[in-house]
Amino acid sequence: MGEFKVLFVDDEQELVSTLVERLQYRDIESAYELNGASAIERMRREQFDVVVLDLKLPGISGTETLRVISKEHPDVPVLLITGHGSSVDMEEMPKGAADYLAKPINIDDLIDKIRLSLQKK
C-alpha cells in the first residue's frame, strides 16, 4: 500500500484509468468513478486521502459533488481538474477545493499537488 489513497472522478474513462494505472505503478493506491453520484457513494463506503475531481460531470455536477464531499469528508482535500489549457484564479475556485490541475495532467505535477494538499490538511 502506498503513502496515500486517491479517488479520481471524471467521465473520461480513458484518462482516469490511465492515471490510476500510472499511480499504481508508483505504488500509490487509487481508484476512479465516472460520475459524482457514484463517487459520493464510494466515499461513504471507502476511505480516501484525496479526491481529484472534474467539474464537468454528467448527472450531479462537479460543483455539487465537491459540496457533498467537502461536507461529509471535511478532512479530505479535493483537487479540481480544469479543461485543456484553462486556468482557475484561486479566488474563483469553488469553496472546498484545495487546488486545481489543468488537462492534460502531468503525473509528476499531480503527485506534487496531492502531497502538498495532504501536508496542508
Protein backbone atom coordinates (compact mmCIF):
# COMPACT_ATOMS: atom_id res chain seq x y z
CA MET A 1 0.00 0.00 0.00
CA GLY A 2 1.25 3.47 -0.89
CA GLU A 3 1.55 6.60 1.16
CA PHE A 4 -1.96 7.81 0.32
CA LYS A 5 -5.14 6.71 -1.46
CA VAL A 6 -6.64 8.75 -4.32
CA LEU A 7 -10.14 8.77 -5.84
CA PHE A 8 -10.45 10.24 -9.35
CA VAL A 9 -13.86 11.47 -10.52
CA ASP A 10 -14.09 12.17 -14.23
CA ASP A 11 -16.33 10.93 -17.03
CA GLU A 12 -13.33 10.43 -19.36
CA GLN A 13 -12.70 6.77 -18.56
CA GLU A 14 -9.55 6.53 -20.66
CA LEU A 15 -8.00 9.48 -18.79
CA VAL A 16 -8.80 8.29 -15.27
CA SER A 17 -7.98 4.65 -15.90
CA THR A 18 -4.58 5.72 -17.24
CA LEU A 19 -3.96 7.98 -14.23
CA VAL A 20 -4.92 5.17 -11.84
CA GLU A 21 -2.60 2.78 -13.64
CA ARG A 22 0.29 5.27 -13.58
CA LEU A 23 -0.16 5.96 -9.86
CA GLN A 24 -0.42 2.27 -9.03
CA TYR A 25 2.81 1.74 -10.96
CA ARG A 26 4.32 4.22 -8.46
CA ASP A 27 2.85 2.24 -5.56
CA ILE A 28 0.08 4.79 -4.90
CA GLU A 29 -3.31 3.22 -4.27
CA SER A 30 -6.01 4.80 -6.44
CA ALA A 31 -9.43 4.23 -7.96
CA TYR A 32 -11.90 6.09 -10.13
CA GLU A 33 -15.58 6.78 -10.59
CA LEU A 34 -17.16 8.18 -13.75
CA ASN A 35 -19.80 10.41 -12.14
CA GLY A 36 -20.47 12.37 -8.98
CA ALA A 37 -23.20 10.15 -7.54
CA SER A 38 -21.06 7.01 -7.66
CA ALA A 39 -18.09 8.92 -6.21
CA ILE A 40 -20.18 10.15 -3.28
CA GLU A 41 -21.45 6.62 -2.61
CA ARG A 42 -17.98 5.14 -2.86
CA MET A 43 -16.62 7.67 -0.37
CA ARG A 44 -19.35 6.63 2.05
CA ARG A 45 -18.09 3.03 1.85
CA GLU A 46 -14.36 3.53 1.46
CA GLN A 47 -11.76 5.89 2.88
CA PHE A 48 -9.68 8.06 0.54
CA ASP A 49 -7.00 10.59 1.46
CA VAL A 50 -7.57 12.89 -1.51
CA VAL A 51 -10.08 13.33 -4.37
CA VAL A 52 -9.23 14.57 -7.87
CA LEU A 53 -12.48 15.88 -9.37
CA ASP A 54 -13.51 17.15 -12.78
CA LEU A 55 -16.13 19.90 -12.51
CA LYS A 56 -17.84 18.91 -15.77
CA LEU A 57 -19.65 15.68 -14.97
CA PRO A 58 -22.86 14.07 -16.21
CA GLY A 59 -25.75 13.99 -13.75
CA ILE A 60 -24.70 15.56 -10.46
CA SER A 61 -22.35 18.43 -11.33
CA GLY A 62 -18.78 18.53 -10.17
CA THR A 63 -19.59 21.59 -8.05
CA GLU A 64 -22.40 19.70 -6.28
CA THR A 65 -20.15 16.64 -5.88
CA LEU A 66 -17.49 18.90 -4.34
CA ARG A 67 -20.06 20.40 -1.96
CA VAL A 68 -21.22 16.97 -0.72
CA ILE A 69 -17.70 15.55 -0.38
CA SER A 70 -16.49 18.66 1.47
CA LYS A 71 -19.46 18.49 3.85
CA GLU A 72 -19.28 14.74 4.53
CA HIS A 73 -15.47 14.44 4.47
CA PRO A 74 -14.09 17.86 5.54
CA ASP A 75 -10.57 16.49 6.09
CA VAL A 76 -10.24 15.09 2.55
CA PRO A 77 -8.64 17.60 0.16
CA VAL A 78 -10.25 17.90 -3.28
CA LEU A 79 -8.17 18.87 -6.31
CA LEU A 80 -10.13 20.13 -9.31
CA ILE A 81 -9.44 19.23 -12.92
CA THR A 82 -9.94 22.03 -15.45
CA GLY A 83 -10.29 21.79 -19.21
CA HIS A 84 -7.38 21.73 -21.63
CA GLY A 85 -5.22 24.80 -21.19
CA SER A 86 -7.61 26.64 -18.86
CA SER A 87 -6.59 28.07 -15.56
CA VAL A 88 -8.50 28.93 -12.42
CA ASP A 89 -7.96 32.00 -10.28
CA MET A 90 -7.64 30.79 -6.69
CA GLU A 91 -10.26 33.37 -5.65
CA GLU A 92 -12.71 31.90 -8.18
CA MET A 93 -12.23 28.29 -7.05
CA PRO A 94 -15.36 26.70 -5.63
CA LYS A 95 -15.47 26.51 -1.85
CA GLY A 96 -13.88 23.31 -0.58
CA ALA A 97 -11.33 22.94 -3.39
CA ALA A 98 -7.69 22.66 -2.31
CA ASP A 99 -6.11 23.35 -5.73
CA TYR A 100 -6.53 22.58 -9.41
CA LEU A 101 -4.80 20.81 -12.30
CA ALA A 102 -5.19 21.61 -15.98
CA LYS A 103 -5.60 18.93 -18.63
CA PRO A 104 -3.52 17.31 -19.95
CA ILE A 105 -2.44 16.19 -16.49
CA ASN A 106 1.26 15.80 -15.85
CA ILE A 107 1.67 12.84 -13.48
CA ASP A 108 4.56 14.42 -11.54
CA ASP A 109 2.60 17.66 -11.05
CA LEU A 110 -0.38 15.61 -9.92
CA ILE A 111 1.65 13.75 -7.30
CA ASP A 112 3.26 17.00 -6.11
CA LYS A 113 -0.14 18.70 -5.72
CA ILE A 114 -1.56 15.68 -3.90
CA ARG A 115 1.35 15.65 -1.44
CA LEU A 116 1.10 19.42 -0.93
CA SER A 117 -2.66 19.25 -0.28
CA LEU A 118 -2.15 16.45 2.24
CA GLN A 119 0.55 18.44 4.06
CA LYS A 120 -1.83 21.41 4.36
CA LYS A 121 -4.70 19.46 5.91
